[in-house]
Amino acid sequence: WFPDFQWSLEGDIKDFDKFIFDNEKDMLEDFMRTMIVKDPDMLIAWFGNFADIPKLLERACAVGLNPLVMSPIGTIKGVRKVKDGFTFAYAENGFSPIEQPIGGRITLNLDLAFERQWNDSQRGTLPSMSLDYIGETVLNEKKLVSEKFPDTNEFYRRAWLEDTQTYLDYAIKDVELIVKIDETNYCSEAILSLQRLLKAPFDACFYASHMGSIYFMR
């Protein structure tokens, strides 16, 4: 979204599928509407429970939207109805990596699923779980770097307005890397296969201690 809607339409942005809004509320509302229409069974992100989902819920409440519509059963951990709308309150570090905050939709931290698979295959300890490092190590593909904002924090704060094309390309590259990592390593499918075998909740299928207690009780 752009504070100056007309400027954004006239700006030099490549012509790929995009939706442009003049305020944050409309953008978030359209995103939530898309989720309702597409009705995905699973939401996959890299450190999504730590960053993406908590920030989405926080900002939806802040701009006066009802984030509960993203849940098919109308329940999201940390979101509650108040007199003037909705509030979101949760731990400072977001949700745990295995937590399932959105009722009726599986949320997968792909970083955790990949790390568990890597460790179980005894390929050594990964020095970093950043998407940039994993993408380069596994796929030999690096994320984009902004020449205008080489500092990552500065890039996140300012590039969406001041280096828009690089920011959009960066976001698309993130998604492409996540899809490729998942599809080439069968990360999400491996967790779902364990769930079918164990007949257990999704969040119980990441650690041996959780899986073992359920499996042997049967």
N, C-alpha and C. Protein backbone atom coordinates (compact mmCIF):
# COMPACT_ATOMS: atom_id res chain seq x y z
N TRP A 1 0.85 -1.18 0.00
CA TRP A 1 0.00 0.00 0.00
C TRP A 1 0.88 1.23 0.00
N PHE A 2 0.38 2.31 -0.55
CA PHE A 2 1.13 3.56 -0.68
C PHE A 2 0.33 4.72 -0.08
N PRO A 3 0.97 5.56 0.71
CA PRO A 3 0.27 6.75 1.22
C PRO A 3 -0.25 7.65 0.09
N ASP A 4 0.52 7.73 -0.98
CA ASP A 4 0.13 8.53 -2.14
C ASP A 4 -0.26 7.58 -3.26
N PHE A 5 -1.56 7.33 -3.38
CA PHE A 5 -2.04 6.31 -4.31
C PHE A 5 -1.71 6.66 -5.76
N GLN A 6 -1.88 7.94 -6.13
CA GLN A 6 -1.63 8.34 -7.51
C GLN A 6 -0.17 8.18 -7.87
N TRP A 7 0.71 8.53 -6.92
CA TRP A 7 2.15 8.36 -7.20
C TRP A 7 2.47 6.91 -7.49
N SER A 8 1.85 6.00 -6.73
CA SER A 8 2.16 4.59 -6.88
C SER A 8 1.73 4.07 -8.25
N LEU A 9 0.61 4.58 -8.77
CA LEU A 9 0.15 4.13 -10.07
C LEU A 9 1.05 4.63 -11.19
N GLU A 10 1.68 5.78 -10.97
CA GLU A 10 2.52 6.36 -12.01
C GLU A 10 3.97 5.91 -11.88
N GLY A 11 4.29 5.23 -10.76
CA GLY A 11 5.66 4.84 -10.51
C GLY A 11 6.13 3.76 -11.48
N ASP A 12 7.41 3.55 -11.51
CA ASP A 12 8.01 2.60 -12.44
C ASP A 12 8.02 1.21 -11.78
N ILE A 13 6.88 0.52 -11.85
CA ILE A 13 6.75 -0.81 -11.27
C ILE A 13 6.43 -1.79 -12.39
N LYS A 14 7.15 -2.89 -12.40
CA LYS A 14 6.95 -3.89 -13.44
C LYS A 14 5.51 -4.40 -13.42
N ASP A 15 5.03 -4.77 -14.59
CA ASP A 15 3.63 -5.17 -14.72
C ASP A 15 3.48 -6.66 -14.44
N PHE A 16 3.43 -7.04 -13.14
CA PHE A 16 3.05 -8.40 -12.79
C PHE A 16 1.83 -8.29 -11.87
N ASP A 17 1.22 -9.45 -11.59
CA ASP A 17 -0.02 -9.42 -10.79
C ASP A 17 0.22 -8.74 -9.46
N LYS A 18 -0.53 -7.67 -9.20
CA LYS A 18 -0.37 -6.93 -7.95
C LYS A 18 -1.66 -6.19 -7.65
N PHE A 19 -1.85 -5.90 -6.38
CA PHE A 19 -3.00 -5.12 -5.94
C PHE A 19 -2.45 -3.94 -5.16
N ILE A 20 -2.85 -2.74 -5.53
CA ILE A 20 -2.31 -1.53 -4.92
C ILE A 20 -3.43 -0.83 -4.15
N PHE A 21 -3.12 -0.43 -2.92
CA PHE A 21 -4.10 0.22 -2.06
C PHE A 21 -3.53 1.53 -1.53
N ASP A 22 -4.43 2.44 -1.15
CA ASP A 22 -3.96 3.72 -0.63
C ASP A 22 -3.96 3.76 0.89
N ASN A 23 -4.29 2.64 1.54
CA ASN A 23 -4.19 2.59 3.00
C ASN A 23 -4.03 1.15 3.46
N GLU A 24 -3.51 1.01 4.66
CA GLU A 24 -3.19 -0.31 5.20
C GLU A 24 -4.45 -1.15 5.45
N LYS A 25 -5.52 -0.51 5.92
CA LYS A 25 -6.74 -1.25 6.25
C LYS A 25 -7.31 -1.97 5.03
N ASP A 26 -7.40 -1.26 3.91
CA ASP A 26 -7.94 -1.89 2.70
C ASP A 26 -7.08 -3.06 2.25
N MET A 27 -5.76 -2.90 2.37
CA MET A 27 -4.84 -3.97 1.96
C MET A 27 -5.06 -5.22 2.81
N LEU A 28 -5.10 -5.03 4.14
CA LEU A 28 -5.27 -6.17 5.04
C LEU A 28 -6.64 -6.82 4.85
N GLU A 29 -7.66 -6.00 4.65
CA GLU A 29 -9.00 -6.53 4.45
C GLU A 29 -9.07 -7.37 3.18
N ASP A 30 -8.39 -6.92 2.13
CA ASP A 30 -8.38 -7.67 0.88
C ASP A 30 -7.63 -8.99 1.06
N PHE A 31 -6.54 -8.95 1.83
CA PHE A 31 -5.77 -10.17 2.10
C PHE A 31 -6.64 -11.19 2.83
N MET A 32 -7.36 -10.73 3.87
CA MET A 32 -8.22 -11.64 4.63
C MET A 32 -9.37 -12.15 3.78
N ARG A 33 -9.90 -11.31 2.91
CA ARG A 33 -10.97 -11.74 2.01
C ARG A 33 -10.46 -12.83 1.07
N THR A 34 -9.25 -12.66 0.58
CA THR A 34 -8.65 -13.68 -0.29
C THR A 34 -8.50 -15.00 0.44
N MET A 35 -8.11 -14.95 1.72
CA MET A 35 -7.96 -16.17 2.49
C MET A 35 -9.31 -16.88 2.65
N ILE A 36 -10.36 -16.10 2.86
CA ILE A 36 -11.70 -16.68 3.00
C ILE A 36 -12.13 -17.34 1.69
N VAL A 37 -11.90 -16.67 0.58
CA VAL A 37 -12.32 -17.19 -0.73
C VAL A 37 -11.50 -18.42 -1.12
N LYS A 38 -10.19 -18.35 -0.96
CA LYS A 38 -9.32 -19.48 -1.33
C LYS A 38 -9.45 -20.64 -0.35
N ASP A 39 -9.74 -20.31 0.92
CA ASP A 39 -9.97 -21.31 1.97
C ASP A 39 -8.85 -22.35 2.06
N PRO A 40 -7.61 -21.94 2.30
CA PRO A 40 -6.50 -22.91 2.34
C PRO A 40 -6.56 -23.78 3.59
N ASP A 41 -6.15 -25.04 3.44
CA ASP A 41 -6.05 -25.93 4.60
C ASP A 41 -4.81 -25.60 5.43
N MET A 42 -3.75 -25.13 4.76
CA MET A 42 -2.48 -24.91 5.44
C MET A 42 -1.88 -23.57 5.05
N LEU A 43 -1.32 -22.87 6.04
CA LEU A 43 -0.57 -21.65 5.81
C LEU A 43 0.90 -21.94 6.12
N ILE A 44 1.78 -21.73 5.15
CA ILE A 44 3.20 -22.06 5.31
C ILE A 44 4.03 -20.79 5.23
N ALA A 45 4.92 -20.61 6.18
CA ALA A 45 5.81 -19.44 6.18
C ALA A 45 7.12 -19.82 6.86
N TRP A 46 8.10 -18.95 6.72
CA TRP A 46 9.41 -19.13 7.37
C TRP A 46 9.41 -18.25 8.62
N PHE A 47 9.47 -18.87 9.79
CA PHE A 47 9.32 -18.18 11.08
C PHE A 47 7.96 -17.46 11.15
N GLY A 48 6.95 -18.06 10.52
CA GLY A 48 5.64 -17.42 10.45
C GLY A 48 4.97 -17.23 11.80
N ASN A 49 5.11 -18.21 12.70
CA ASN A 49 4.49 -18.08 14.02
C ASN A 49 5.18 -17.01 14.87
N PHE A 50 6.43 -16.74 14.55
CA PHE A 50 7.19 -15.72 15.29
C PHE A 50 6.92 -14.32 14.76
N ALA A 51 6.76 -14.18 13.45
CA ALA A 51 6.69 -12.85 12.85
C ALA A 51 5.42 -12.60 12.05
N ASP A 52 5.19 -13.37 11.00
CA ASP A 52 4.13 -13.06 10.04
C ASP A 52 2.74 -13.05 10.67
N ILE A 53 2.37 -14.14 11.33
CA ILE A 53 1.02 -14.25 11.87
C ILE A 53 0.78 -13.25 13.00
N PRO A 54 1.67 -13.15 14.00
CA PRO A 54 1.43 -12.15 15.05
C PRO A 54 1.32 -10.72 14.51
N LYS A 55 2.17 -10.36 13.54
CA LYS A 55 2.11 -9.00 12.98
C LYS A 55 0.80 -8.79 12.21
N LEU A 56 0.37 -9.79 11.47
CA LEU A 56 -0.90 -9.70 10.74
C LEU A 56 -2.06 -9.47 11.71
N LEU A 57 -2.10 -10.24 12.79
CA LEU A 57 -3.17 -10.10 13.77
C LEU A 57 -3.10 -8.76 14.49
N GLU A 58 -1.90 -8.35 14.84
CA GLU A 58 -1.71 -7.08 15.54
C GLU A 58 -2.20 -5.91 14.69
N ARG A 59 -1.81 -5.88 13.43
CA ARG A 59 -2.18 -4.76 12.57
C ARG A 59 -3.66 -4.80 12.18
N ALA A 60 -4.23 -5.98 12.00
CA ALA A 60 -5.65 -6.08 11.69
C ALA A 60 -6.48 -5.47 12.81
N CYS A 61 -6.13 -5.79 14.04
CA CYS A 61 -6.84 -5.22 15.19
C CYS A 61 -6.61 -3.72 15.27
N ALA A 62 -5.38 -3.28 14.99
CA ALA A 62 -5.03 -1.86 15.13
C ALA A 62 -5.81 -0.98 14.16
N VAL A 63 -6.13 -1.51 12.98
CA VAL A 63 -6.84 -0.69 11.99
C VAL A 63 -8.35 -0.93 12.01
N GLY A 64 -8.83 -1.68 13.00
CA GLY A 64 -10.26 -1.83 13.17
C GLY A 64 -10.91 -2.98 12.43
N LEU A 65 -10.13 -3.98 12.03
CA LEU A 65 -10.68 -5.14 11.34
C LEU A 65 -10.90 -6.29 12.31
N ASN A 66 -11.70 -7.25 11.90
CA ASN A 66 -11.96 -8.44 12.70
C ASN A 66 -11.14 -9.60 12.15
N PRO A 67 -10.00 -9.94 12.77
CA PRO A 67 -9.15 -11.01 12.22
C PRO A 67 -9.75 -12.39 12.38
N LEU A 68 -10.79 -12.54 13.21
CA LEU A 68 -11.38 -13.85 13.43
C LEU A 68 -11.99 -14.44 12.16
N VAL A 69 -12.25 -13.60 11.16
CA VAL A 69 -12.83 -14.10 9.92
C VAL A 69 -11.85 -15.03 9.19
N MET A 70 -10.56 -14.97 9.54
CA MET A 70 -9.59 -15.85 8.90
C MET A 70 -9.69 -17.28 9.39
N SER A 71 -10.39 -17.48 10.49
CA SER A 71 -10.58 -18.83 11.04
C SER A 71 -11.94 -19.36 10.64
N PRO A 72 -12.00 -20.54 10.03
CA PRO A 72 -13.30 -21.12 9.65
C PRO A 72 -14.21 -21.36 10.85
N ILE A 73 -13.64 -21.47 12.05
CA ILE A 73 -14.46 -21.70 13.24
C ILE A 73 -14.47 -20.47 14.15
N GLY A 74 -13.91 -19.35 13.67
CA GLY A 74 -13.99 -18.09 14.39
C GLY A 74 -13.19 -18.01 15.67
N THR A 75 -12.06 -18.75 15.75
CA THR A 75 -11.21 -18.70 16.94
C THR A 75 -9.75 -18.50 16.55
N ILE A 76 -9.11 -17.52 17.16
CA ILE A 76 -7.67 -17.28 16.97
C ILE A 76 -7.08 -16.97 18.34
N LYS A 77 -6.02 -17.66 18.69
CA LYS A 77 -5.41 -17.47 20.00
C LYS A 77 -4.92 -16.03 20.16
N GLY A 78 -5.23 -15.43 21.29
CA GLY A 78 -4.76 -14.09 21.58
C GLY A 78 -5.66 -12.98 21.10
N VAL A 79 -6.65 -13.30 20.27
CA VAL A 79 -7.58 -12.28 19.75
C VAL A 79 -8.86 -12.31 20.57
N ARG A 80 -9.29 -11.15 21.05
CA ARG A 80 -10.55 -11.12 21.79
C ARG A 80 -11.34 -9.86 21.41
N LYS A 81 -12.65 -10.00 21.57
CA LYS A 81 -13.56 -8.90 21.27
C LYS A 81 -13.57 -7.92 22.43
N VAL A 82 -13.49 -6.63 22.11
CA VAL A 82 -13.60 -5.57 23.10
C VAL A 82 -14.69 -4.60 22.64
N LYS A 83 -14.94 -3.59 23.44
CA LYS A 83 -16.04 -2.68 23.17
C LYS A 83 -15.94 -2.02 21.80
N ASP A 84 -14.72 -1.58 21.43
CA ASP A 84 -14.55 -0.82 20.19
C ASP A 84 -13.98 -1.64 19.04
N GLY A 85 -13.91 -2.95 19.18
CA GLY A 85 -13.37 -3.76 18.10
C GLY A 85 -12.73 -5.03 18.62
N PHE A 86 -11.47 -5.24 18.24
CA PHE A 86 -10.75 -6.44 18.64
C PHE A 86 -9.34 -6.07 19.09
N THR A 87 -8.79 -6.87 19.99
CA THR A 87 -7.41 -6.67 20.42
C THR A 87 -6.66 -7.98 20.27
N PHE A 88 -5.35 -7.85 20.12
CA PHE A 88 -4.49 -9.04 20.04
C PHE A 88 -3.41 -8.90 21.09
N ALA A 89 -3.33 -9.86 21.96
CA ALA A 89 -2.30 -9.86 23.00
C ALA A 89 -1.72 -11.26 23.10
N TYR A 90 -0.42 -11.34 22.88
CA TYR A 90 0.25 -12.63 23.01
C TYR A 90 1.68 -12.40 23.46
N ALA A 91 2.40 -13.50 23.63
CA ALA A 91 3.78 -13.40 24.10
C ALA A 91 4.61 -12.51 23.18
N GLU A 92 5.62 -11.89 23.74
CA GLU A 92 6.47 -10.97 22.97
C GLU A 92 7.10 -11.65 21.78
N ASN A 93 7.41 -12.93 21.89
CA ASN A 93 8.04 -13.67 20.80
C ASN A 93 7.04 -14.41 19.93
N GLY A 94 5.78 -13.97 19.97
CA GLY A 94 4.77 -14.59 19.12
C GLY A 94 4.35 -15.97 19.62
N PHE A 95 3.93 -16.80 18.69
CA PHE A 95 3.51 -18.15 19.02
C PHE A 95 4.70 -19.10 18.98
N SER A 96 4.57 -20.24 19.64
CA SER A 96 5.64 -21.23 19.57
C SER A 96 5.69 -21.81 18.16
N PRO A 97 6.83 -22.39 17.76
CA PRO A 97 6.97 -22.89 16.39
C PRO A 97 5.96 -23.97 16.01
N ILE A 98 5.46 -24.73 17.00
CA ILE A 98 4.52 -25.81 16.68
C ILE A 98 3.07 -25.43 16.98
N GLU A 99 2.86 -24.25 17.55
CA GLU A 99 1.52 -23.84 17.96
C GLU A 99 0.61 -23.66 16.75
N GLN A 100 -0.68 -23.89 16.96
CA GLN A 100 -1.69 -23.75 15.90
C GLN A 100 -2.65 -22.63 16.30
N PRO A 101 -2.31 -21.38 15.99
CA PRO A 101 -3.09 -20.25 16.49
C PRO A 101 -4.42 -20.00 15.80
N ILE A 102 -4.54 -20.39 14.53
CA ILE A 102 -5.75 -20.08 13.76
C ILE A 102 -6.62 -21.34 13.69
N GLY A 103 -7.72 -21.33 14.43
CA GLY A 103 -8.60 -22.49 14.46
C GLY A 103 -9.10 -22.87 13.08
N GLY A 104 -8.96 -24.14 12.71
CA GLY A 104 -9.46 -24.61 11.42
C GLY A 104 -8.48 -24.52 10.28
N ARG A 105 -7.29 -23.96 10.51
CA ARG A 105 -6.26 -23.92 9.47
C ARG A 105 -4.93 -24.37 10.08
N ILE A 106 -4.23 -25.26 9.40
CA ILE A 106 -2.91 -25.67 9.85
C ILE A 106 -1.92 -24.57 9.55
N THR A 107 -1.10 -24.22 10.51
CA THR A 107 -0.01 -23.27 10.27
C THR A 107 1.31 -24.02 10.43
N LEU A 108 2.14 -23.93 9.43
CA LEU A 108 3.41 -24.66 9.42
C LEU A 108 4.58 -23.69 9.38
N ASN A 109 5.42 -23.74 10.39
CA ASN A 109 6.71 -23.06 10.36
C ASN A 109 7.65 -23.93 9.53
N LEU A 110 7.85 -23.58 8.27
CA LEU A 110 8.65 -24.42 7.39
C LEU A 110 10.09 -24.51 7.87
N ASP A 111 10.58 -23.47 8.54
CA ASP A 111 11.95 -23.52 9.06
C ASP A 111 12.12 -24.67 10.04
N LEU A 112 11.12 -24.87 10.92
CA LEU A 112 11.21 -25.96 11.89
C LEU A 112 11.10 -27.32 11.21
N ALA A 113 10.16 -27.46 10.29
CA ALA A 113 9.99 -28.74 9.58
C ALA A 113 11.26 -29.10 8.82
N PHE A 114 11.88 -28.11 8.17
CA PHE A 114 13.11 -28.37 7.43
C PHE A 114 14.25 -28.73 8.38
N GLU A 115 14.37 -28.00 9.48
CA GLU A 115 15.45 -28.25 10.44
C GLU A 115 15.32 -29.65 11.04
N ARG A 116 14.10 -30.06 11.39
CA ARG A 116 13.90 -31.40 11.95
C ARG A 116 14.31 -32.46 10.93
N GLN A 117 13.93 -32.27 9.69
CA GLN A 117 14.27 -33.22 8.64
C GLN A 117 15.78 -33.29 8.43
N TRP A 118 16.42 -32.12 8.42
CA TRP A 118 17.87 -32.05 8.23
C TRP A 118 18.60 -32.77 9.36
N ASN A 119 18.19 -32.52 10.60
CA ASN A 119 18.84 -33.15 11.75
C ASN A 119 18.60 -34.66 11.76
N ASP A 120 17.38 -35.08 11.43
CA ASP A 120 17.07 -36.51 11.44
C ASP A 120 17.87 -37.27 10.39
N SER A 121 18.24 -36.59 9.31
CA SER A 121 19.03 -37.25 8.27
C SER A 121 20.53 -37.22 8.58
N GLN A 122 20.87 -36.67 9.76
CA GLN A 122 22.25 -36.65 10.26
C GLN A 122 23.22 -35.99 9.28
N ARG A 123 22.80 -34.82 8.79
CA ARG A 123 23.66 -34.07 7.86
C ARG A 123 24.43 -32.96 8.56
N GLY A 124 24.44 -32.99 9.88
CA GLY A 124 25.21 -31.99 10.62
C GLY A 124 24.33 -30.86 11.11
N THR A 125 24.91 -29.98 11.91
CA THR A 125 24.19 -28.85 12.48
C THR A 125 24.25 -27.65 11.54
N LEU A 126 23.12 -27.05 11.29
CA LEU A 126 23.07 -25.88 10.42
C LEU A 126 23.51 -24.64 11.21
N PRO A 127 24.47 -23.87 10.71
CA PRO A 127 24.94 -22.69 11.44
C PRO A 127 23.93 -21.55 11.46
N SER A 128 22.98 -21.57 10.56
CA SER A 128 21.96 -20.51 10.49
C SER A 128 20.68 -21.08 9.91
N MET A 129 19.55 -20.58 10.43
CA MET A 129 18.26 -21.00 9.88
C MET A 129 17.60 -19.87 9.10
N SER A 130 18.37 -18.86 8.73
CA SER A 130 17.81 -17.78 7.92
C SER A 130 17.43 -18.33 6.55
N LEU A 131 16.38 -17.79 5.96
CA LEU A 131 15.93 -18.26 4.65
C LEU A 131 17.00 -18.03 3.60
N ASP A 132 17.76 -16.94 3.75
CA ASP A 132 18.84 -16.64 2.83
C ASP A 132 19.88 -17.76 2.84
N TYR A 133 20.29 -18.17 4.03
CA TYR A 133 21.32 -19.21 4.15
C TYR A 133 20.80 -20.56 3.66
N ILE A 134 19.59 -20.93 4.06
CA ILE A 134 19.04 -22.22 3.66
C ILE A 134 18.81 -22.26 2.15
N GLY A 135 18.30 -21.15 1.60
CA GLY A 135 18.08 -21.10 0.16
C GLY A 135 19.37 -21.30 -0.62
N GLU A 136 20.44 -20.69 -0.15
CA GLU A 136 21.74 -20.82 -0.83
C GLU A 136 22.32 -22.21 -0.64
N THR A 137 22.18 -22.76 0.56
CA THR A 137 22.75 -24.08 0.86
C THR A 137 22.03 -25.20 0.14
N VAL A 138 20.71 -25.15 0.12
CA VAL A 138 19.91 -26.24 -0.43
C VAL A 138 19.63 -26.07 -1.91
N LEU A 139 19.32 -24.84 -2.32
CA LEU A 139 18.91 -24.59 -3.71
C LEU A 139 19.95 -23.82 -4.52
N ASN A 140 21.00 -23.37 -3.85
CA ASN A 140 22.01 -22.53 -4.50
C ASN A 140 21.40 -21.25 -5.05
N GLU A 141 20.43 -20.71 -4.31
CA GLU A 141 19.77 -19.47 -4.70
C GLU A 141 19.82 -18.48 -3.54
N LYS A 142 20.29 -17.28 -3.80
CA LYS A 142 20.36 -16.24 -2.79
C LYS A 142 19.17 -15.31 -2.89
N LYS A 143 18.78 -14.74 -1.73
CA LYS A 143 17.75 -13.71 -1.74
C LYS A 143 18.32 -12.44 -2.35
N LEU A 144 17.45 -11.53 -2.74
CA LEU A 144 17.88 -10.29 -3.35
C LEU A 144 18.47 -9.34 -2.30
N VAL A 145 19.40 -8.50 -2.73
CA VAL A 145 19.99 -7.48 -1.86
C VAL A 145 19.74 -6.13 -2.50
N SER A 146 19.25 -5.19 -1.70
CA SER A 146 18.99 -3.85 -2.19
C SER A 146 20.28 -3.02 -2.17
N GLU A 147 20.66 -2.48 -3.31
CA GLU A 147 21.84 -1.62 -3.36
C GLU A 147 21.59 -0.32 -2.61
N LYS A 148 20.35 0.12 -2.60
CA LYS A 148 20.01 1.38 -1.94
C LYS A 148 19.96 1.22 -0.42
N PHE A 149 19.52 0.04 0.06
CA PHE A 149 19.42 -0.21 1.50
C PHE A 149 20.09 -1.53 1.84
N PRO A 150 21.42 -1.55 1.89
CA PRO A 150 22.11 -2.80 2.21
C PRO A 150 21.85 -3.27 3.64
N ASP A 151 21.53 -2.34 4.55
CA ASP A 151 21.18 -2.72 5.91
C ASP A 151 19.76 -3.30 5.93
N THR A 152 19.62 -4.53 6.45
CA THR A 152 18.34 -5.22 6.39
C THR A 152 17.22 -4.46 7.10
N ASN A 153 17.50 -3.97 8.29
CA ASN A 153 16.47 -3.25 9.05
C ASN A 153 16.01 -1.99 8.32
N GLU A 154 16.97 -1.28 7.74
CA GLU A 154 16.64 -0.08 6.98
C GLU A 154 15.82 -0.44 5.73
N PHE A 155 16.16 -1.56 5.12
CA PHE A 155 15.44 -2.04 3.95
C PHE A 155 13.97 -2.29 4.29
N TYR A 156 13.71 -2.99 5.41
CA TYR A 156 12.33 -3.29 5.81
C TYR A 156 11.54 -2.02 6.12
N ARG A 157 12.22 -1.03 6.69
CA ARG A 157 11.52 0.19 7.09
C ARG A 157 11.20 1.11 5.92
N ARG A 158 12.08 1.17 4.94
CA ARG A 158 11.96 2.23 3.95
C ARG A 158 11.81 1.77 2.50
N ALA A 159 12.25 0.56 2.18
CA ALA A 159 12.32 0.16 0.77
C ALA A 159 10.95 0.03 0.11
N TRP A 160 9.91 -0.27 0.89
CA TRP A 160 8.59 -0.42 0.27
C TRP A 160 8.14 0.86 -0.43
N LEU A 161 8.65 2.03 0.07
CA LEU A 161 8.32 3.30 -0.57
C LEU A 161 9.44 3.83 -1.45
N GLU A 162 10.69 3.59 -1.04
CA GLU A 162 11.82 4.24 -1.69
C GLU A 162 12.60 3.34 -2.65
N ASP A 163 12.35 2.06 -2.62
CA ASP A 163 12.97 1.13 -3.57
C ASP A 163 11.95 0.03 -3.86
N THR A 164 10.79 0.46 -4.33
CA THR A 164 9.60 -0.39 -4.38
C THR A 164 9.80 -1.65 -5.21
N GLN A 165 10.39 -1.50 -6.40
CA GLN A 165 10.53 -2.68 -7.26
C GLN A 165 11.40 -3.75 -6.60
N THR A 166 12.51 -3.33 -5.98
CA THR A 166 13.37 -4.30 -5.29
C THR A 166 12.62 -4.95 -4.14
N TYR A 167 11.81 -4.16 -3.43
CA TYR A 167 11.04 -4.68 -2.30
C TYR A 167 10.04 -5.74 -2.77
N LEU A 168 9.35 -5.47 -3.87
CA LEU A 168 8.40 -6.44 -4.42
C LEU A 168 9.11 -7.70 -4.90
N ASP A 169 10.23 -7.51 -5.60
CA ASP A 169 11.00 -8.66 -6.08
C ASP A 169 11.51 -9.50 -4.90
N TYR A 170 11.91 -8.82 -3.83
CA TYR A 170 12.41 -9.48 -2.63
C TYR A 170 11.31 -10.36 -2.02
N ALA A 171 10.09 -9.80 -1.94
CA ALA A 171 8.98 -10.55 -1.35
C ALA A 171 8.62 -11.77 -2.20
N ILE A 172 8.62 -11.60 -3.52
CA ILE A 172 8.31 -12.71 -4.42
C ILE A 172 9.38 -13.79 -4.32
N LYS A 173 10.65 -13.38 -4.24
CA LYS A 173 11.75 -14.33 -4.11
C LYS A 173 11.60 -15.14 -2.82
N ASP A 174 11.19 -14.50 -1.73
CA ASP A 174 10.94 -15.19 -0.47
C ASP A 174 9.95 -16.34 -0.68
N VAL A 175 8.84 -16.03 -1.33
CA VAL A 175 7.80 -17.04 -1.55
C VAL A 175 8.32 -18.16 -2.44
N GLU A 176 9.04 -17.81 -3.49
CA GLU A 176 9.58 -18.83 -4.40
C GLU A 176 10.53 -19.77 -3.67
N LEU A 177 11.38 -19.21 -2.81
CA LEU A 177 12.32 -20.05 -2.05
C LEU A 177 11.58 -21.00 -1.12
N ILE A 178 10.55 -20.50 -0.44
CA ILE A 178 9.78 -21.34 0.49
C ILE A 178 9.12 -22.48 -0.27
N VAL A 179 8.50 -22.17 -1.41
CA VAL A 179 7.84 -23.21 -2.20
C VAL A 179 8.85 -24.26 -2.67
N LYS A 180 10.00 -23.82 -3.16
CA LYS A 180 11.01 -24.76 -3.67
C LYS A 180 11.57 -25.63 -2.56
N ILE A 181 11.85 -25.03 -1.41
CA ILE A 181 12.38 -25.80 -0.28
C ILE A 181 11.38 -26.86 0.14
N ASP A 182 10.12 -26.49 0.21
CA ASP A 182 9.09 -27.44 0.62
C ASP A 182 8.92 -28.55 -0.41
N GLU A 183 8.84 -28.18 -1.68
CA GLU A 183 8.55 -29.17 -2.72
C GLU A 183 9.73 -30.10 -2.99
N THR A 184 10.95 -29.60 -2.85
CA THR A 184 12.12 -30.45 -3.12
C THR A 184 12.48 -31.34 -1.94
N ASN A 185 12.01 -30.98 -0.74
CA ASN A 185 12.33 -31.78 0.45
C ASN A 185 11.10 -32.43 1.08
N TYR A 186 9.92 -32.19 0.50
CA TYR A 186 8.67 -32.81 0.98
C TYR A 186 8.45 -32.54 2.47
N CYS A 187 8.76 -31.32 2.91
CA CYS A 187 8.68 -31.00 4.34
C CYS A 187 7.25 -31.07 4.87
N SER A 188 6.33 -30.36 4.24
CA SER A 188 4.96 -30.35 4.74
C SER A 188 4.32 -31.72 4.58
N GLU A 189 4.59 -32.40 3.47
CA GLU A 189 4.01 -33.71 3.25
C GLU A 189 4.52 -34.72 4.27
N ALA A 190 5.77 -34.58 4.70
CA ALA A 190 6.33 -35.50 5.71
C ALA A 190 5.59 -35.36 7.04
N ILE A 191 5.29 -34.12 7.44
CA ILE A 191 4.56 -33.91 8.69
C ILE A 191 3.14 -34.45 8.58
N LEU A 192 2.49 -34.21 7.45
CA LEU A 192 1.14 -34.73 7.24
C LEU A 192 1.12 -36.25 7.23
N SER A 193 2.16 -36.88 6.67
CA SER A 193 2.24 -38.34 6.65
C SER A 193 2.38 -38.89 8.07
N LEU A 194 3.19 -38.22 8.88
CA LEU A 194 3.32 -38.63 10.28
C LEU A 194 1.99 -38.48 11.01
N GLN A 195 1.28 -37.41 10.71
CA GLN A 195 -0.01 -37.20 11.35
C GLN A 195 -0.99 -38.31 10.99
N ARG A 196 -0.98 -38.72 9.72
CA ARG A 196 -1.87 -39.81 9.31
C ARG A 196 -1.49 -41.11 10.00
N LEU A 197 -0.19 -41.35 10.15
CA LEU A 197 0.29 -42.57 10.80
C LEU A 197 -0.08 -42.59 12.28
N LEU A 198 0.14 -41.47 12.94
CA LEU A 198 -0.06 -41.40 14.38
C LEU A 198 -1.51 -41.18 14.78
N LYS A 199 -2.28 -40.61 13.84
CA LYS A 199 -3.65 -40.16 14.17
C LYS A 199 -3.58 -39.20 15.36
N ALA A 200 -2.76 -38.17 15.18
CA ALA A 200 -2.46 -37.22 16.26
C ALA A 200 -2.67 -35.80 15.78
N PRO A 201 -2.75 -34.84 16.71
CA PRO A 201 -2.80 -33.44 16.32
C PRO A 201 -1.54 -33.04 15.55
N PHE A 202 -1.68 -32.08 14.67
CA PHE A 202 -0.56 -31.67 13.83
C PHE A 202 0.63 -31.22 14.67
N ASP A 203 0.37 -30.49 15.77
CA ASP A 203 1.47 -29.96 16.56
C ASP A 203 2.22 -31.02 17.36
N ALA A 204 1.74 -32.27 17.32
CA ALA A 204 2.43 -33.35 18.02
C ALA A 204 3.40 -34.10 17.12
N CYS A 205 3.54 -33.67 15.87
CA CYS A 205 4.28 -34.44 14.88
C CYS A 205 5.66 -33.87 14.55
N PHE A 206 6.24 -33.14 15.49
CA PHE A 206 7.55 -32.53 15.24
C PHE A 206 8.67 -33.12 16.09
N TYR A 207 8.34 -33.56 17.29
CA TYR A 207 9.36 -34.04 18.23
C TYR A 207 9.08 -35.49 18.62
N ALA A 208 10.15 -36.28 18.73
CA ALA A 208 10.01 -37.71 19.02
C ALA A 208 9.29 -37.97 20.33
N SER A 209 9.54 -37.12 21.33
CA SER A 209 8.90 -37.32 22.63
C SER A 209 7.38 -37.19 22.52
N HIS A 210 6.92 -36.23 21.72
CA HIS A 210 5.48 -36.05 21.52
C HIS A 210 4.89 -37.22 20.73
N MET A 211 5.59 -37.60 19.67
CA MET A 211 5.09 -38.68 18.82
C MET A 211 5.11 -40.01 19.55
N GLY A 212 6.18 -40.26 20.29
CA GLY A 212 6.32 -41.54 20.98
C GLY A 212 5.23 -41.77 22.01
N SER A 213 4.94 -40.76 22.79
CA SER A 213 3.93 -40.93 23.84
C SER A 213 2.57 -41.24 23.24
N ILE A 214 2.24 -40.61 22.10
CA ILE A 214 0.96 -40.87 21.45
C ILE A 214 0.95 -42.25 20.79
N TYR A 215 2.04 -42.56 20.10
CA TYR A 215 2.10 -43.82 19.35
C TYR A 215 2.02 -45.03 20.28
N PHE A 216 2.81 -45.01 21.34
CA PHE A 216 2.85 -46.18 22.22
C PHE A 216 1.65 -46.30 23.12
N MET A 217 0.92 -45.24 23.34
CA MET A 217 -0.32 -45.33 24.10
C MET A 217 -1.40 -46.07 23.33
N ARG A 218 -1.21 -46.20 22.03
CA ARG A 218 -2.18 -46.92 21.22
C ARG A 218 -1.91 -48.41 21.29
